[in-house]
Amino acid sequence: MCQLIVDFSTKHERNYQTPVINENPVERVDSFRYLSVHITQDLSWSCHINTVVKKARQRLYHLRRLRDFRLPSKVLRNFHSCTIESILTRNIATWFGNSTMQNRRALQRVVQSAERIIRTKVPDLHSIYNKRCWTKARKIVKDLSHPNNGLCSLFSYLSNQPLHHCHLPPPGPLGDFMEGMDTLLSVFPSDTTPLTVLGDFNLPSDKLHSSGLLALLNSFSLSFNSCPPTHKEGNVLDLVFTHPSPATDMTATPLHISDHHLLSFLSCLNVTPSTSFSPAEISTLSLLPL
């Protein structure tokens, strides 16, 4: 028996009392394996991903041997799906979304190695992750007794909304960003379909009006919602624009894991959209190269 302590406190080191069961002290560990997933005390997924990458790379040897025996491509794909892809995607809905770019590159290198061996494309991990998340969400929506039924029902509604994430890396050219934002907003219908544009625009309040951003968004009937300071330095960098109804109950809660605050608000979503967007069309848009 062992214990794992998760503590995000960085200001003070705490001395934890070791529990004793049947006169035996419980060992404290940095990580443990539960349902084939390695969980660490900092709740990062590097340990788990490094483990699955190592296992998958070991099985690439057998895939190469089968290729050397000139087996059909269909057999190689089946072997990859059963022995390599199954390892990389086990419980992927749990950990892939919070993995780092370095972790994802390590996973992608395994996939690319398999593609070179098989000489054909294989499903990418991001697509598998999205598919499994949507499958799980649909099951929860159908299960009225599930504790997260209400939350997933909201996600199901939002899947029919035009959702995009726009990134302006500092100090990017503002003119290029404004042109890209204009092009993006022109895609959406100009009716009463609810539309929310929000994110870290990296524009302090003194530059918000002079940048022309407010004028651009107002031309698309998007209203600026006044926010409390959203950064630890007291700046309002995270902005919210809505149409047709304004956001209410805007609050900013400091987070110890970020220099930005958690921004929460209420928004009216009781209007049936005139344009349907399938889950596959929900995208992440970077208006400038990262």
C-alpha atoms as a PDB file:
ATOM      1  CA  MET A   1       0.000   0.000   0.000  1.00  0.00           C
ATOM      2  CA  CYS A   2       1.241   3.484  -0.857  1.00  0.00           C
ATOM      3  CA  GLN A   3       0.115   7.108  -0.843  1.00  0.00           C
ATOM      4  CA  LEU A   4       0.457   9.889  -3.398  1.00  0.00           C
ATOM      5  CA  ILE A   5       0.085  13.516  -2.271  1.00  0.00           C
ATOM      6  CA  VAL A   6      -0.911  16.234  -4.738  1.00  0.00           C
ATOM      7  CA  ASP A   7      -0.010  19.686  -3.420  1.00  0.00           C
ATOM      8  CA  PHE A   8       0.258  22.761  -5.665  1.00  0.00           C
ATOM      9  CA  SER A   9       1.395  25.034  -2.858  1.00  0.00           C
ATOM     10  CA  THR A  10       4.672  26.733  -3.780  1.00  0.00           C
ATOM     11  CA  LYS A  11       5.005  29.197  -0.903  1.00  0.00           C
ATOM     12  CA  HIS A  12       5.575  26.825   1.980  1.00  0.00           C
ATOM     13  CA  GLU A  13       6.918  23.330   2.287  1.00  0.00           C
ATOM     14  CA  ARG A  14       4.596  21.177   4.334  1.00  0.00           C
ATOM     15  CA  ASN A  15       5.464  18.215   6.462  1.00  0.00           C
ATOM     16  CA  TYR A  16       2.884  15.518   6.036  1.00  0.00           C
ATOM     17  CA  GLN A  17       2.344  12.931   8.706  1.00  0.00           C
ATOM     18  CA  THR A  18       2.915   9.405   7.474  1.00  0.00           C
ATOM     19  CA  PRO A  19      -0.214   7.296   7.998  1.00  0.00           C
ATOM     20  CA  VAL A  20       0.180   3.957   9.743  1.00  0.00           C
ATOM     21  CA  ILE A  21      -1.994   0.936   8.971  1.00  0.00           C
ATOM     22  CA  ASN A  22      -1.660  -2.171  11.126  1.00  0.00           C
ATOM     23  CA  GLU A  23       1.526  -0.726  12.586  1.00  0.00           C
ATOM     24  CA  ASN A  24       3.040  -0.436   9.099  1.00  0.00           C
ATOM     25  CA  PRO A  25       3.831   3.056   7.736  1.00  0.00           C
ATOM     26  CA  VAL A  26       2.345   3.777   4.327  1.00  0.00           C
ATOM     27  CA  GLU A  27       5.016   4.467   1.732  1.00  0.00           C
ATOM     28  CA  ARG A  28       4.832   7.792  -0.087  1.00  0.00           C
ATOM     29  CA  VAL A  29       5.449   7.617  -3.843  1.00  0.00           C
ATOM     30  CA  ASP A  30       5.811  10.184  -6.632  1.00  0.00           C
ATOM     31  CA  SER A  31       3.655   8.219  -9.087  1.00  0.00           C
ATOM     32  CA  PHE A  32       1.549   5.101  -9.360  1.00  0.00           C
ATOM     33  CA  ARG A  33      -0.183   3.123 -12.081  1.00  0.00           C
ATOM     34  CA  TYR A  34      -3.971   2.962 -12.069  1.00  0.00           C
ATOM     35  CA  LEU A  35      -5.983   1.334 -14.857  1.00  0.00           C
ATOM     36  CA  SER A  36      -2.899   1.396 -17.118  1.00  0.00           C
ATOM     37  CA  VAL A  37      -2.421   5.145 -16.566  1.00  0.00           C
ATOM     38  CA  HIS A  38       0.582   6.537 -14.678  1.00  0.00           C
ATOM     39  CA  ILE A  39      -0.515   9.325 -12.338  1.00  0.00           C
ATOM     40  CA  THR A  40       2.137  11.620 -10.833  1.00  0.00           C
ATOM     41  CA  GLN A  41       2.017  13.955  -7.861  1.00  0.00           C
ATOM     42  CA  ASP A  42       2.226  17.046 -10.113  1.00  0.00           C
ATOM     43  CA  LEU A  43      -0.622  15.685 -12.297  1.00  0.00           C
ATOM     44  CA  SER A  44       1.501  15.905 -15.438  1.00  0.00           C
ATOM     45  CA  TRP A  45       1.417  13.194 -18.101  1.00  0.00           C
ATOM     46  CA  SER A  46       5.094  13.049 -19.055  1.00  0.00           C
ATOM     47  CA  CYS A  47       5.696   9.877 -17.043  1.00  0.00           C
ATOM     48  CA  HIS A  48       2.743   8.091 -18.646  1.00  0.00           C
ATOM     49  CA  ILE A  49       3.543   9.262 -22.180  1.00  0.00           C
ATOM     50  CA  ASN A  50       7.227   8.345 -21.876  1.00  0.00           C
ATOM     51  CA  THR A  51       6.153   4.863 -20.780  1.00  0.00           C
ATOM     52  CA  VAL A  52       3.732   4.273 -23.658  1.00  0.00           C
ATOM     53  CA  VAL A  53       6.193   5.701 -26.198  1.00  0.00           C
ATOM     54  CA  LYS A  54       8.865   3.280 -24.987  1.00  0.00           C
ATOM     55  CA  LYS A  55       6.470   0.322 -25.247  1.00  0.00           C
ATOM     56  CA  ALA A  56       5.285   1.355 -28.691  1.00  0.00           C
ATOM     57  CA  ARG A  57       8.848   1.757 -29.982  1.00  0.00           C
ATOM     58  CA  GLN A  58       9.688  -1.750 -28.841  1.00  0.00           C
ATOM     59  CA  ARG A  59       6.850  -3.088 -30.991  1.00  0.00           C
ATOM     60  CA  LEU A  60       8.061  -1.183 -34.040  1.00  0.00           C
ATOM     61  CA  TYR A  61      10.800  -3.813 -34.300  1.00  0.00           C
ATOM     62  CA  HIS A  62       8.212  -6.541 -34.894  1.00  0.00           C
ATOM     63  CA  LEU A  63       6.457  -4.341 -37.464  1.00  0.00           C
ATOM     64  CA  ARG A  64       9.736  -3.981 -39.360  1.00  0.00           C
ATOM     65  CA  ARG A  65      10.263  -7.738 -39.293  1.00  0.00           C
ATOM     66  CA  LEU A  66       6.814  -8.334 -40.763  1.00  0.00           C
ATOM     67  CA  ARG A  67       7.575  -5.808 -43.501  1.00  0.00           C
ATOM     68  CA  ASP A  68      10.843  -7.599 -44.258  1.00  0.00           C
ATOM     69  CA  PHE A  69       8.823 -10.788 -44.725  1.00  0.00           C
ATOM     70  CA  ARG A  70       6.840  -8.870 -47.398  1.00  0.00           C
ATOM     71  CA  LEU A  71       3.481  -9.326 -45.789  1.00  0.00           C
ATOM     72  CA  PRO A  72       0.556  -7.448 -47.375  1.00  0.00           C
ATOM     73  CA  SER A  73      -0.018  -3.850 -46.370  1.00  0.00           C
ATOM     74  CA  LYS A  74      -3.390  -4.783 -44.860  1.00  0.00           C
ATOM     75  CA  VAL A  75      -1.715  -7.204 -42.468  1.00  0.00           C
ATOM     76  CA  LEU A  76       0.825  -4.555 -41.456  1.00  0.00           C
ATOM     77  CA  ARG A  77      -1.948  -2.044 -40.761  1.00  0.00           C
ATOM     78  CA  ASN A  78      -3.842  -4.564 -38.656  1.00  0.00           C
ATOM     79  CA  PHE A  79      -0.703  -5.392 -36.690  1.00  0.00           C
ATOM     80  CA  HIS A  80      -0.055  -1.675 -36.118  1.00  0.00           C
ATOM     81  CA  SER A  81      -3.629  -1.096 -34.982  1.00  0.00           C
ATOM     82  CA  CYS A  82      -3.607  -4.020 -32.547  1.00  0.00           C
ATOM     83  CA  THR A  83      -0.134  -3.760 -31.041  1.00  0.00           C
ATOM     84  CA  ILE A  84       1.067  -0.157 -31.425  1.00  0.00           C
ATOM     85  CA  GLU A  85      -1.917   2.142 -31.845  1.00  0.00           C
ATOM     86  CA  SER A  86      -3.755   0.355 -29.032  1.00  0.00           C
ATOM     87  CA  ILE A  87      -0.891   1.196 -26.655  1.00  0.00           C
ATOM     88  CA  LEU A  88      -0.631   4.836 -27.731  1.00  0.00           C
ATOM     89  CA  THR A  89      -4.386   5.443 -27.458  1.00  0.00           C
ATOM     90  CA  ARG A  90      -5.241   3.529 -24.284  1.00  0.00           C
ATOM     91  CA  ASN A  91      -7.330   5.904 -22.118  1.00  0.00           C
ATOM     92  CA  ILE A  92      -6.321   8.712 -24.491  1.00  0.00           C
ATOM     93  CA  ALA A  93      -9.387  10.778 -23.560  1.00  0.00           C
ATOM     94  CA  THR A  94      -7.938  11.062 -20.039  1.00  0.00           C
ATOM     95  CA  TRP A  95      -4.473  12.410 -20.745  1.00  0.00           C
ATOM     96  CA  PHE A  96      -4.004  13.614 -24.341  1.00  0.00           C
ATOM     97  CA  GLY A  97      -5.819  16.935 -23.892  1.00  0.00           C
ATOM     98  CA  ASN A  98      -3.445  18.037 -21.104  1.00  0.00           C
ATOM     99  CA  SER A  99      -0.235  16.745 -22.660  1.00  0.00           C
ATOM    100  CA  THR A 100       2.561  19.149 -23.578  1.00  0.00           C
ATOM    101  CA  MET A 101       3.766  19.849 -27.103  1.00  0.00           C
ATOM    102  CA  GLN A 102       6.974  17.987 -26.301  1.00  0.00           C
ATOM    103  CA  ASN A 103       4.926  14.943 -25.270  1.00  0.00           C
ATOM    104  CA  ARG A 104       2.840  15.122 -28.435  1.00  0.00           C
ATOM    105  CA  ARG A 105       5.908  15.364 -30.631  1.00  0.00           C
ATOM    106  CA  ALA A 106       7.278  12.203 -29.013  1.00  0.00           C
ATOM    107  CA  LEU A 107       3.994  10.413 -29.729  1.00  0.00           C
ATOM    108  CA  GLN A 108       3.904  11.740 -33.283  1.00  0.00           C
ATOM    109  CA  ARG A 109       7.406  10.455 -33.978  1.00  0.00           C
ATOM    110  CA  VAL A 110       6.221   6.932 -33.199  1.00  0.00           C
ATOM    111  CA  VAL A 111       3.268   7.364 -35.563  1.00  0.00           C
ATOM    112  CA  GLN A 112       5.529   8.710 -38.309  1.00  0.00           C
ATOM    113  CA  SER A 113       7.944   5.809 -37.868  1.00  0.00           C
ATOM    114  CA  ALA A 114       5.060   3.363 -38.275  1.00  0.00           C
ATOM    115  CA  GLU A 115       3.899   5.176 -41.418  1.00  0.00           C
ATOM    116  CA  ARG A 116       7.358   4.898 -42.955  1.00  0.00           C
ATOM    117  CA  ILE A 117       7.455   1.182 -42.220  1.00  0.00           C
ATOM    118  CA  ILE A 118       3.946   0.462 -43.542  1.00  0.00           C
ATOM    119  CA  ARG A 119       4.284   3.025 -46.359  1.00  0.00           C
ATOM    120  CA  THR A 120       0.774   4.307 -45.795  1.00  0.00           C
ATOM    121  CA  LYS A 121      -1.034   6.810 -43.588  1.00  0.00           C
ATOM    122  CA  VAL A 122      -2.363   5.716 -40.193  1.00  0.00           C
ATOM    123  CA  PRO A 123      -4.937   7.560 -38.033  1.00  0.00           C
ATOM    124  CA  ASP A 124      -3.378  10.512 -36.212  1.00  0.00           C
ATOM    125  CA  LEU A 125      -3.718  10.617 -32.433  1.00  0.00           C
ATOM    126  CA  HIS A 126      -5.513  13.958 -32.320  1.00  0.00           C
ATOM    127  CA  SER A 127      -8.339  12.631 -34.495  1.00  0.00           C
ATOM    128  CA  ILE A 128      -8.632   9.511 -32.352  1.00  0.00           C
ATOM    129  CA  TYR A 129      -8.716  11.674 -29.219  1.00  0.00           C
ATOM    130  CA  ASN A 130     -11.499  13.898 -30.603  1.00  0.00           C
ATOM    131  CA  LYS A 131     -13.545  10.925 -31.769  1.00  0.00           C
ATOM    132  CA  ARG A 132     -13.360   9.154 -28.413  1.00  0.00           C
ATOM    133  CA  CYS A 133     -14.211  12.310 -26.479  1.00  0.00           C
ATOM    134  CA  TRP A 134     -17.305  12.890 -28.593  1.00  0.00           C
ATOM    135  CA  THR A 135     -18.307   9.237 -28.286  1.00  0.00           C
ATOM    136  CA  LYS A 136     -18.018   9.425 -24.512  1.00  0.00           C
ATOM    137  CA  ALA A 137     -19.916  12.714 -24.386  1.00  0.00           C
ATOM    138  CA  ARG A 138     -22.800  11.274 -26.421  1.00  0.00           C
ATOM    139  CA  LYS A 139     -23.047   8.298 -24.061  1.00  0.00           C
ATOM    140  CA  ILE A 140     -23.210  10.641 -21.075  1.00  0.00           C
ATOM    141  CA  VAL A 141     -25.919  12.750 -22.756  1.00  0.00           C
ATOM    142  CA  LYS A 142     -28.040   9.616 -23.244  1.00  0.00           C
ATOM    143  CA  ASP A 143     -27.513   8.536 -19.621  1.00  0.00           C
ATOM    144  CA  LEU A 144     -29.788  10.816 -17.576  1.00  0.00           C
ATOM    145  CA  SER A 145     -28.457   9.335 -14.334  1.00  0.00           C
ATOM    146  CA  HIS A 146     -24.857  10.303 -15.080  1.00  0.00           C
ATOM    147  CA  PRO A 147     -23.535  13.107 -12.807  1.00  0.00           C
ATOM    148  CA  ASN A 148     -22.167  15.016 -15.819  1.00  0.00           C
ATOM    149  CA  ASN A 149     -25.286  14.651 -17.956  1.00  0.00           C
ATOM    150  CA  GLY A 150     -26.159  18.339 -17.692  1.00  0.00           C
ATOM    151  CA  LEU A 151     -22.635  19.482 -18.551  1.00  0.00           C
ATOM    152  CA  CYS A 152     -22.319  17.209 -21.583  1.00  0.00           C
ATOM    153  CA  SER A 153     -25.801  18.235 -22.728  1.00  0.00           C
ATOM    154  CA  LEU A 154     -24.497  21.809 -22.784  1.00  0.00           C
ATOM    155  CA  PHE A 155     -21.453  20.682 -24.788  1.00  0.00           C
ATOM    156  CA  SER A 156     -23.796  18.915 -27.190  1.00  0.00           C
ATOM    157  CA  TYR A 157     -25.615  22.204 -27.737  1.00  0.00           C
ATOM    158  CA  LEU A 158     -22.360  24.088 -28.140  1.00  0.00           C
ATOM    159  CA  SER A 159     -21.289  21.631 -30.840  1.00  0.00           C
ATOM    160  CA  ASN A 160     -23.838  23.363 -33.058  1.00  0.00           C
ATOM    161  CA  GLN A 161     -22.305  26.776 -32.369  1.00  0.00           C
ATOM    162  CA  PRO A 162     -19.481  28.376 -34.354  1.00  0.00           C
ATOM    163  CA  LEU A 163     -16.592  27.978 -31.886  1.00  0.00           C
ATOM    164  CA  HIS A 164     -13.096  29.175 -32.751  1.00  0.00           C
ATOM    165  CA  HIS A 165      -9.997  30.000 -30.775  1.00  0.00           C
ATOM    166  CA  CYS A 166      -7.892  32.865 -32.128  1.00  0.00           C
ATOM    167  CA  HIS A 167      -4.325  33.404 -30.993  1.00  0.00           C
ATOM    168  CA  LEU A 168      -2.380  36.670 -31.261  1.00  0.00           C
ATOM    169  CA  PRO A 169       1.196  35.901 -30.168  1.00  0.00           C
ATOM    170  CA  PRO A 170       2.924  38.939 -28.615  1.00  0.00           C
ATOM    171  CA  PRO A 171       4.266  41.082 -30.171  1.00  0.00           C
ATOM    172  CA  GLY A 172       2.621  40.010 -33.458  1.00  0.00           C
ATOM    173  CA  PRO A 173       1.699  42.433 -36.271  1.00  0.00           C
ATOM    174  CA  LEU A 174      -1.656  43.853 -35.234  1.00  0.00           C
ATOM    175  CA  GLY A 175      -2.661  44.650 -38.814  1.00  0.00           C
ATOM    176  CA  ASP A 176      -2.388  41.012 -39.875  1.00  0.00           C
ATOM    177  CA  PHE A 177      -4.431  39.952 -36.869  1.00  0.00           C
ATOM    178  CA  MET A 178      -7.206  42.471 -37.611  1.00  0.00           C
ATOM    179  CA  GLU A 179      -7.388  41.308 -41.226  1.00  0.00           C
ATOM    180  CA  GLY A 180      -7.602  37.677 -40.127  1.00  0.00           C
ATOM    181  CA  MET A 181     -10.258  38.486 -37.540  1.00  0.00           C
ATOM    182  CA  ASP A 182     -12.303  40.330 -40.176  1.00  0.00           C
ATOM    183  CA  THR A 183     -12.118  37.290 -42.464  1.00  0.00           C
ATOM    184  CA  LEU A 184     -13.097  34.929 -39.644  1.00  0.00           C
ATOM    185  CA  LEU A 185     -16.125  36.905 -38.473  1.00  0.00           C
ATOM    186  CA  SER A 186     -17.379  37.248 -42.043  1.00  0.00           C
ATOM    187  CA  VAL A 187     -18.008  33.478 -42.072  1.00  0.00           C
ATOM    188  CA  PHE A 188     -20.715  33.614 -39.390  1.00  0.00           C
ATOM    189  CA  PRO A 189     -24.365  34.498 -40.101  1.00  0.00           C
ATOM    190  CA  SER A 190     -25.408  38.074 -39.299  1.00  0.00           C
ATOM    191  CA  ASP A 191     -28.647  37.140 -37.526  1.00  0.00           C
ATOM    192  CA  THR A 192     -29.598  36.379 -33.925  1.00  0.00           C
ATOM    193  CA  THR A 193     -27.433  33.273 -33.739  1.00  0.00           C
ATOM    194  CA  PRO A 194     -25.497  33.482 -30.418  1.00  0.00           C
ATOM    195  CA  LEU A 195     -21.826  34.226 -30.974  1.00  0.00           C
ATOM    196  CA  THR A 196     -19.133  34.706 -28.343  1.00  0.00           C
ATOM    197  CA  VAL A 197     -15.602  35.895 -29.105  1.00  0.00           C
ATOM    198  CA  LEU A 198     -13.256  35.676 -26.144  1.00  0.00           C
ATOM    199  CA  GLY A 199      -9.654  35.093 -25.223  1.00  0.00           C
ATOM    200  CA  ASP A 200      -6.344  36.674 -24.321  1.00  0.00           C
ATOM    201  CA  PHE A 201      -6.117  39.525 -26.840  1.00  0.00           C
ATOM    202  CA  ASN A 202      -2.938  40.850 -25.192  1.00  0.00           C
ATOM    203  CA  LEU A 203      -4.176  44.427 -25.543  1.00  0.00           C
ATOM    204  CA  PRO A 204      -4.020  46.619 -22.412  1.00  0.00           C
ATOM    205  CA  SER A 205      -6.978  48.945 -21.887  1.00  0.00           C
ATOM    206  CA  ASP A 206      -5.021  52.011 -23.056  1.00  0.00           C
ATOM    207  CA  LYS A 207      -4.452  50.367 -26.473  1.00  0.00           C
ATOM    208  CA  LEU A 208      -7.869  48.763 -26.851  1.00  0.00           C
ATOM    209  CA  HIS A 209      -9.560  51.781 -28.428  1.00  0.00           C
ATOM    210  CA  SER A 210      -6.610  52.945 -30.515  1.00  0.00           C
ATOM    211  CA  SER A 211      -6.075  49.479 -32.007  1.00  0.00           C
ATOM    212  CA  GLY A 212      -9.360  49.551 -33.913  1.00  0.00           C
ATOM    213  CA  LEU A 213     -10.428  46.204 -32.432  1.00  0.00           C
ATOM    214  CA  LEU A 214     -13.566  47.624 -30.841  1.00  0.00           C
ATOM    215  CA  ALA A 215     -14.634  49.283 -34.089  1.00  0.00           C
ATOM    216  CA  LEU A 216     -14.087  46.054 -36.028  1.00  0.00           C
ATOM    217  CA  LEU A 217     -16.104  43.910 -33.639  1.00  0.00           C
ATOM    218  CA  ASN A 218     -18.861  46.527 -33.355  1.00  0.00           C
ATOM    219  CA  SER A 219     -19.246  46.357 -37.141  1.00  0.00           C
ATOM    220  CA  PHE A 220     -20.276  42.710 -36.657  1.00  0.00           C
ATOM    221  CA  SER A 221     -22.758  43.661 -33.891  1.00  0.00           C
ATOM    222  CA  LEU A 222     -20.481  42.214 -31.206  1.00  0.00           C
ATOM    223  CA  SER A 223     -20.708  44.046 -27.891  1.00  0.00           C
ATOM    224  CA  PHE A 224     -17.727  44.522 -25.582  1.00  0.00           C
ATOM    225  CA  ASN A 225     -18.386  43.275 -22.048  1.00  0.00           C
ATOM    226  CA  SER A 226     -16.559  45.180 -19.332  1.00  0.00           C
ATOM    227  CA  CYS A 227     -14.248  42.860 -17.398  1.00  0.00           C
ATOM    228  CA  PRO A 228     -12.465  43.197 -14.073  1.00  0.00           C
ATOM    229  CA  PRO A 229      -8.649  42.922 -14.172  1.00  0.00           C
ATOM    230  CA  THR A 230      -7.755  39.510 -15.612  1.00  0.00           C
ATOM    231  CA  HIS A 231      -3.979  39.571 -15.048  1.00  0.00           C
ATOM    232  CA  LYS A 232      -1.995  39.586 -11.839  1.00  0.00           C
ATOM    233  CA  GLU A 233      -0.432  42.934 -12.868  1.00  0.00           C
ATOM    234  CA  GLY A 234      -3.887  44.520 -12.881  1.00  0.00           C
ATOM    235  CA  ASN A 235      -4.361  44.640 -16.662  1.00  0.00           C
ATOM    236  CA  VAL A 236      -7.465  43.566 -18.562  1.00  0.00           C
ATOM    237  CA  LEU A 237      -5.959  41.308 -21.247  1.00  0.00           C
ATOM    238  CA  ASP A 238      -8.727  38.691 -21.518  1.00  0.00           C
ATOM    239  CA  LEU A 239     -11.718  40.148 -23.345  1.00  0.00           C
ATOM    240  CA  VAL A 240     -15.261  38.925 -24.017  1.00  0.00           C
ATOM    241  CA  PHE A 241     -17.450  40.049 -26.929  1.00  0.00           C
ATOM    242  CA  THR A 242     -20.975  38.657 -27.371  1.00  0.00           C
ATOM    243  CA  HIS A 243     -23.924  38.813 -29.770  1.00  0.00           C
ATOM    244  CA  PRO A 244     -26.841  39.367 -29.464  1.00  0.00           C
ATOM    245  CA  SER A 245     -27.113  39.326 -25.630  1.00  0.00           C
ATOM    246  CA  PRO A 246     -24.471  40.747 -23.282  1.00  0.00           C
ATOM    247  CA  ALA A 247     -22.609  38.567 -20.796  1.00  0.00           C
ATOM    248  CA  THR A 248     -23.545  39.013 -17.137  1.00  0.00           C
ATOM    249  CA  ASP A 249     -22.060  38.228 -13.718  1.00  0.00           C
ATOM    250  CA  MET A 250     -18.501  38.713 -14.984  1.00  0.00           C
ATOM    251  CA  THR A 251     -15.974  37.655 -12.323  1.00  0.00           C
ATOM    252  CA  ALA A 252     -12.200  37.072 -12.342  1.00  0.00           C
ATOM    253  CA  THR A 253     -10.696  34.580  -9.890  1.00  0.00           C
ATOM    254  CA  PRO A 254      -6.894  34.476  -9.337  1.00  0.00           C
ATOM    255  CA  LEU A 255      -5.196  31.146 -10.058  1.00  0.00           C
ATOM    256  CA  HIS A 256      -1.956  30.019  -8.466  1.00  0.00           C
ATOM    257  CA  ILE A 257      -1.011  28.049 -11.590  1.00  0.00           C
ATOM    258  CA  SER A 258      -1.217  30.994 -14.020  1.00  0.00           C
ATOM    259  CA  ASP A 259      -0.553  34.728 -14.159  1.00  0.00           C
ATOM    260  CA  HIS A 260      -4.008  35.098 -15.728  1.00  0.00           C
ATOM    261  CA  HIS A 261      -7.210  34.912 -13.704  1.00  0.00           C
ATOM    262  CA  LEU A 262     -10.095  32.512 -14.302  1.00  0.00           C
ATOM    263  CA  LEU A 263     -12.780  34.531 -16.096  1.00  0.00           C
ATOM    264  CA  SER A 264     -16.360  33.341 -15.647  1.00  0.00           C
ATOM    265  CA  PHE A 265     -19.659  34.808 -16.827  1.00  0.00           C
ATOM    266  CA  LEU A 266     -23.217  33.962 -17.839  1.00  0.00           C
ATOM    267  CA  SER A 267     -24.347  34.090 -21.458  1.00  0.00           C
ATOM    268  CA  CYS A 268     -27.737  33.533 -23.095  1.00  0.00           C
ATOM    269  CA  LEU A 269     -27.739  30.473 -25.389  1.00  0.00           C
ATOM    270  CA  ASN A 270     -31.457  29.886 -25.778  1.00  0.00           C
ATOM    271  CA  VAL A 271     -31.639  30.822 -29.455  1.00  0.00           C
ATOM    272  CA  THR A 272     -31.654  28.038 -32.031  1.00  0.00           C
ATOM    273  CA  PRO A 273     -28.841  28.676 -34.517  1.00  0.00           C
ATOM    274  CA  SER A 274     -29.784  29.092 -38.160  1.00  0.00           C
ATOM    275  CA  THR A 275     -26.522  27.573 -39.341  1.00  0.00           C
ATOM    276  CA  SER A 276     -25.476  24.098 -38.273  1.00  0.00           C
ATOM    277  CA  PHE A 277     -21.855  23.324 -37.441  1.00  0.00           C
ATOM    278  CA  SER A 278     -20.871  19.701 -36.943  1.00  0.00           C
ATOM    279  CA  PRO A 279     -18.359  18.741 -34.228  1.00  0.00           C
ATOM    280  CA  ALA A 280     -15.760  18.156 -36.937  1.00  0.00           C
ATOM    281  CA  GLU A 281     -15.976  21.844 -37.904  1.00  0.00           C
ATOM    282  CA  ILE A 282     -15.040  23.110 -34.432  1.00  0.00           C
ATOM    283  CA  SER A 283     -11.512  24.278 -35.044  1.00  0.00           C
ATOM    284  CA  THR A 284      -8.568  26.034 -33.510  1.00  0.00           C
ATOM    285  CA  LEU A 285      -7.510  28.972 -35.654  1.00  0.00           C
ATOM    286  CA  SER A 286      -4.140  30.647 -35.318  1.00  0.00           C
ATOM    287  CA  LEU A 287      -4.260  33.910 -37.206  1.00  0.00           C
ATOM    288  CA  LEU A 288      -0.485  34.220 -37.026  1.00  0.00           C
ATOM    289  CA  PRO A 289       2.261  31.598 -37.043  1.00  0.00           C
ATOM    290  CA  LEU A 290       3.325  30.596 -33.513  1.00  0.00           C
END
